[in-house]
Amino acid sequence: MTGIIEVIRRWRDRWELDRTVPEELDRMLHEVGMTHHDLVAAADGGEHVARLLPAMLALNGIEAEEVRRELGLLFRDLERVCNGCREVKRCSHLMDEGAPVGQLTEICPNAATMASLKG
């Protein structure tokens, strides 16, 4: 049942994007530093971001909600980068196994940003 609900949610999100006036969509994307490709990728999936990004931040000693609250644009960029990551399955698998932070950092495209947040 959950699979069907996810398909419906994705379809609804995509339908809402398609109905948005192009100029308005361009303005909104510019405001948050996203491209059309980033937006479509986010609407088509990216559920892993909600689970993996906060977990990776926590492993690095960073509170996700604090970053979201105090550095909103940076947090959105972290989400965007995580959403476009090509190592999602590997990251998820390593996290589920309890791999050391160093091993996860090697594959994380947000590693440098997280390091700058710590220091």
C-alpha atoms as a PDB file:
ATOM      1  CA  MET A   1       0.000   0.000   0.000  1.00  0.00           C
ATOM      2  CA  THR A   2       2.841   2.387   0.835  1.00  0.00           C
ATOM      3  CA  GLY A   3       4.227   2.009  -2.703  1.00  0.00           C
ATOM      4  CA  ILE A   4       0.943   3.139  -4.217  1.00  0.00           C
ATOM      5  CA  ILE A   5       0.765   6.127  -1.884  1.00  0.00           C
ATOM      6  CA  GLU A   6       4.301   7.158  -2.891  1.00  0.00           C
ATOM      7  CA  VAL A   7       3.448   6.897  -6.595  1.00  0.00           C
ATOM      8  CA  ILE A   8       0.358   9.054  -6.076  1.00  0.00           C
ATOM      9  CA  ARG A   9       2.363  11.619  -4.078  1.00  0.00           C
ATOM     10  CA  ARG A  10       5.037  11.829  -6.767  1.00  0.00           C
ATOM     11  CA  TRP A  11       2.447  12.169  -9.513  1.00  0.00           C
ATOM     12  CA  ARG A  12       0.667  14.936  -7.572  1.00  0.00           C
ATOM     13  CA  ASP A  13       3.925  16.802  -6.944  1.00  0.00           C
ATOM     14  CA  ARG A  14       4.893  16.542 -10.592  1.00  0.00           C
ATOM     15  CA  TRP A  15       1.417  17.653 -11.730  1.00  0.00           C
ATOM     16  CA  GLU A  16       1.622  20.732  -9.488  1.00  0.00           C
ATOM     17  CA  LEU A  17       5.012  21.604 -10.965  1.00  0.00           C
ATOM     18  CA  ASP A  18       3.692  21.282 -14.497  1.00  0.00           C
ATOM     19  CA  ARG A  19       0.814  23.667 -13.696  1.00  0.00           C
ATOM     20  CA  THR A  20       3.068  26.427 -12.323  1.00  0.00           C
ATOM     21  CA  VAL A  21       3.468  29.509 -14.520  1.00  0.00           C
ATOM     22  CA  PRO A  22       6.979  29.256 -16.056  1.00  0.00           C
ATOM     23  CA  GLU A  23       8.029  32.775 -15.049  1.00  0.00           C
ATOM     24  CA  GLU A  24       6.909  32.186 -11.464  1.00  0.00           C
ATOM     25  CA  LEU A  25       8.714  28.869 -11.365  1.00  0.00           C
ATOM     26  CA  ASP A  26      11.903  30.479 -12.700  1.00  0.00           C
ATOM     27  CA  ARG A  27      11.685  33.190 -10.030  1.00  0.00           C
ATOM     28  CA  MET A  28      11.198  30.669  -7.224  1.00  0.00           C
ATOM     29  CA  LEU A  29      14.044  28.483  -8.451  1.00  0.00           C
ATOM     30  CA  HIS A  30      16.361  31.488  -8.663  1.00  0.00           C
ATOM     31  CA  GLU A  31      15.479  32.475  -5.086  1.00  0.00           C
ATOM     32  CA  VAL A  32      16.515  29.090  -3.707  1.00  0.00           C
ATOM     33  CA  GLY A  33      19.447  28.487  -6.063  1.00  0.00           C
ATOM     34  CA  MET A  34      17.978  25.505  -7.879  1.00  0.00           C
ATOM     35  CA  THR A  35      17.732  24.511 -11.532  1.00  0.00           C
ATOM     36  CA  HIS A  36      14.775  22.948 -13.308  1.00  0.00           C
ATOM     37  CA  HIS A  37      16.677  19.655 -13.264  1.00  0.00           C
ATOM     38  CA  ASP A  38      17.112  19.877  -9.458  1.00  0.00           C
ATOM     39  CA  LEU A  39      13.411  20.517  -9.022  1.00  0.00           C
ATOM     40  CA  VAL A  40      12.284  17.646 -11.231  1.00  0.00           C
ATOM     41  CA  ALA A  41      14.699  15.294  -9.470  1.00  0.00           C
ATOM     42  CA  ALA A  42      13.311  16.373  -6.094  1.00  0.00           C
ATOM     43  CA  ALA A  43       9.708  15.863  -7.226  1.00  0.00           C
ATOM     44  CA  ASP A  44      10.482  12.481  -8.762  1.00  0.00           C
ATOM     45  CA  GLY A  45      12.121  11.073  -5.677  1.00  0.00           C
ATOM     46  CA  GLY A  46      14.658  12.025  -3.094  1.00  0.00           C
ATOM     47  CA  GLU A  47      12.952  10.394  -0.127  1.00  0.00           C
ATOM     48  CA  HIS A  48      16.417   9.263   0.914  1.00  0.00           C
ATOM     49  CA  VAL A  49      17.339  12.866   1.681  1.00  0.00           C
ATOM     50  CA  ALA A  50      14.905  13.007   4.606  1.00  0.00           C
ATOM     51  CA  ARG A  51      16.569   9.971   6.180  1.00  0.00           C
ATOM     52  CA  LEU A  52      20.203  10.043   5.120  1.00  0.00           C
ATOM     53  CA  LEU A  53      21.066  13.734   5.332  1.00  0.00           C
ATOM     54  CA  PRO A  54      20.033  14.242   8.978  1.00  0.00           C
ATOM     55  CA  ALA A  55      21.752  10.963   9.888  1.00  0.00           C
ATOM     56  CA  MET A  56      24.967  11.993   8.134  1.00  0.00           C
ATOM     57  CA  LEU A  57      24.869  15.406   9.780  1.00  0.00           C
ATOM     58  CA  ALA A  58      24.375  13.763  13.192  1.00  0.00           C
ATOM     59  CA  LEU A  59      27.303  11.409  12.588  1.00  0.00           C
ATOM     60  CA  ASN A  60      29.382  14.519  11.991  1.00  0.00           C
ATOM     61  CA  GLY A  61      28.173  16.111  15.236  1.00  0.00           C
ATOM     62  CA  ILE A  62      25.865  18.574  13.481  1.00  0.00           C
ATOM     63  CA  GLU A  63      22.224  19.132  14.425  1.00  0.00           C
ATOM     64  CA  ALA A  64      20.154  19.117  11.210  1.00  0.00           C
ATOM     65  CA  GLU A  65      17.336  21.248  12.610  1.00  0.00           C
ATOM     66  CA  GLU A  66      19.793  23.871  13.818  1.00  0.00           C
ATOM     67  CA  VAL A  67      21.344  24.125  10.345  1.00  0.00           C
ATOM     68  CA  ARG A  68      17.880  24.252   8.759  1.00  0.00           C
ATOM     69  CA  ARG A  69      16.775  27.001  11.157  1.00  0.00           C
ATOM     70  CA  GLU A  70      19.923  29.142  11.160  1.00  0.00           C
ATOM     71  CA  LEU A  71      21.381  28.467   7.701  1.00  0.00           C
ATOM     72  CA  GLY A  72      18.306  27.767   5.584  1.00  0.00           C
ATOM     73  CA  LEU A  73      19.891  28.290   2.162  1.00  0.00           C
ATOM     74  CA  LEU A  74      22.892  26.170   3.082  1.00  0.00           C
ATOM     75  CA  PHE A  75      20.588  23.415   4.315  1.00  0.00           C
ATOM     76  CA  ARG A  76      18.655  23.513   1.033  1.00  0.00           C
ATOM     77  CA  ASP A  77      21.941  23.198  -0.810  1.00  0.00           C
ATOM     78  CA  LEU A  78      22.880  20.189   1.326  1.00  0.00           C
ATOM     79  CA  GLU A  79      19.510  18.652   0.424  1.00  0.00           C
ATOM     80  CA  ARG A  80      19.993  19.411  -3.271  1.00  0.00           C
ATOM     81  CA  VAL A  81      23.447  17.829  -3.335  1.00  0.00           C
ATOM     82  CA  CYS A  82      22.245  14.791  -1.369  1.00  0.00           C
ATOM     83  CA  ASN A  83      19.297  14.398  -3.728  1.00  0.00           C
ATOM     84  CA  GLY A  84      21.627  14.290  -6.735  1.00  0.00           C
ATOM     85  CA  CYS A  85      24.090  11.852  -5.156  1.00  0.00           C
ATOM     86  CA  ARG A  86      24.978   8.748  -7.150  1.00  0.00           C
ATOM     87  CA  GLU A  87      25.963   6.774  -4.056  1.00  0.00           C
ATOM     88  CA  VAL A  88      22.544   6.672  -2.358  1.00  0.00           C
ATOM     89  CA  LYS A  89      22.245   2.888  -2.198  1.00  0.00           C
ATOM     90  CA  ARG A  90      25.794   2.505  -0.946  1.00  0.00           C
ATOM     91  CA  CYS A  91      25.336   5.286   1.620  1.00  0.00           C
ATOM     92  CA  SER A  92      22.106   3.775   2.879  1.00  0.00           C
ATOM     93  CA  HIS A  93      23.684   0.341   3.102  1.00  0.00           C
ATOM     94  CA  LEU A  94      26.748   1.651   4.959  1.00  0.00           C
ATOM     95  CA  MET A  95      24.591   3.599   7.403  1.00  0.00           C
ATOM     96  CA  ASP A  96      22.383   0.606   8.058  1.00  0.00           C
ATOM     97  CA  GLU A  97      25.525  -1.442   8.784  1.00  0.00           C
ATOM     98  CA  GLY A  98      26.850   1.219  11.162  1.00  0.00           C
ATOM     99  CA  ALA A  99      29.924   1.996   9.070  1.00  0.00           C
ATOM    100  CA  PRO A 100      32.451   4.448  10.494  1.00  0.00           C
ATOM    101  CA  VAL A 101      32.044   8.124   9.656  1.00  0.00           C
ATOM    102  CA  GLY A 102      35.266   8.133   7.650  1.00  0.00           C
ATOM    103  CA  GLN A 103      33.953   5.496   5.270  1.00  0.00           C
ATOM    104  CA  LEU A 104      30.727   7.438   4.744  1.00  0.00           C
ATOM    105  CA  THR A 105      32.605  10.715   4.301  1.00  0.00           C
ATOM    106  CA  GLU A 106      34.618   9.189   1.450  1.00  0.00           C
ATOM    107  CA  ILE A 107      31.478   8.818  -0.673  1.00  0.00           C
ATOM    108  CA  CYS A 108      29.497  11.861   0.501  1.00  0.00           C
ATOM    109  CA  PRO A 109      29.388  14.841  -1.876  1.00  0.00           C
ATOM    110  CA  ASN A 110      28.449  17.027   1.115  1.00  0.00           C
ATOM    111  CA  ALA A 111      31.506  15.998   3.167  1.00  0.00           C
ATOM    112  CA  ALA A 112      33.435  19.260   2.648  1.00  0.00           C
ATOM    113  CA  THR A 113      30.423  21.381   3.576  1.00  0.00           C
ATOM    114  CA  MET A 114      29.833  19.319   6.693  1.00  0.00           C
ATOM    115  CA  ALA A 115      33.506  19.648   7.635  1.00  0.00           C
ATOM    116  CA  SER A 116      33.233  23.427   7.341  1.00  0.00           C
ATOM    117  CA  LEU A 117      30.181  23.410   9.604  1.00  0.00           C
ATOM    118  CA  LYS A 118      32.118  21.521  12.276  1.00  0.00           C
ATOM    119  CA  GLY A 119      35.155  23.734  12.226  1.00  0.00           C
END
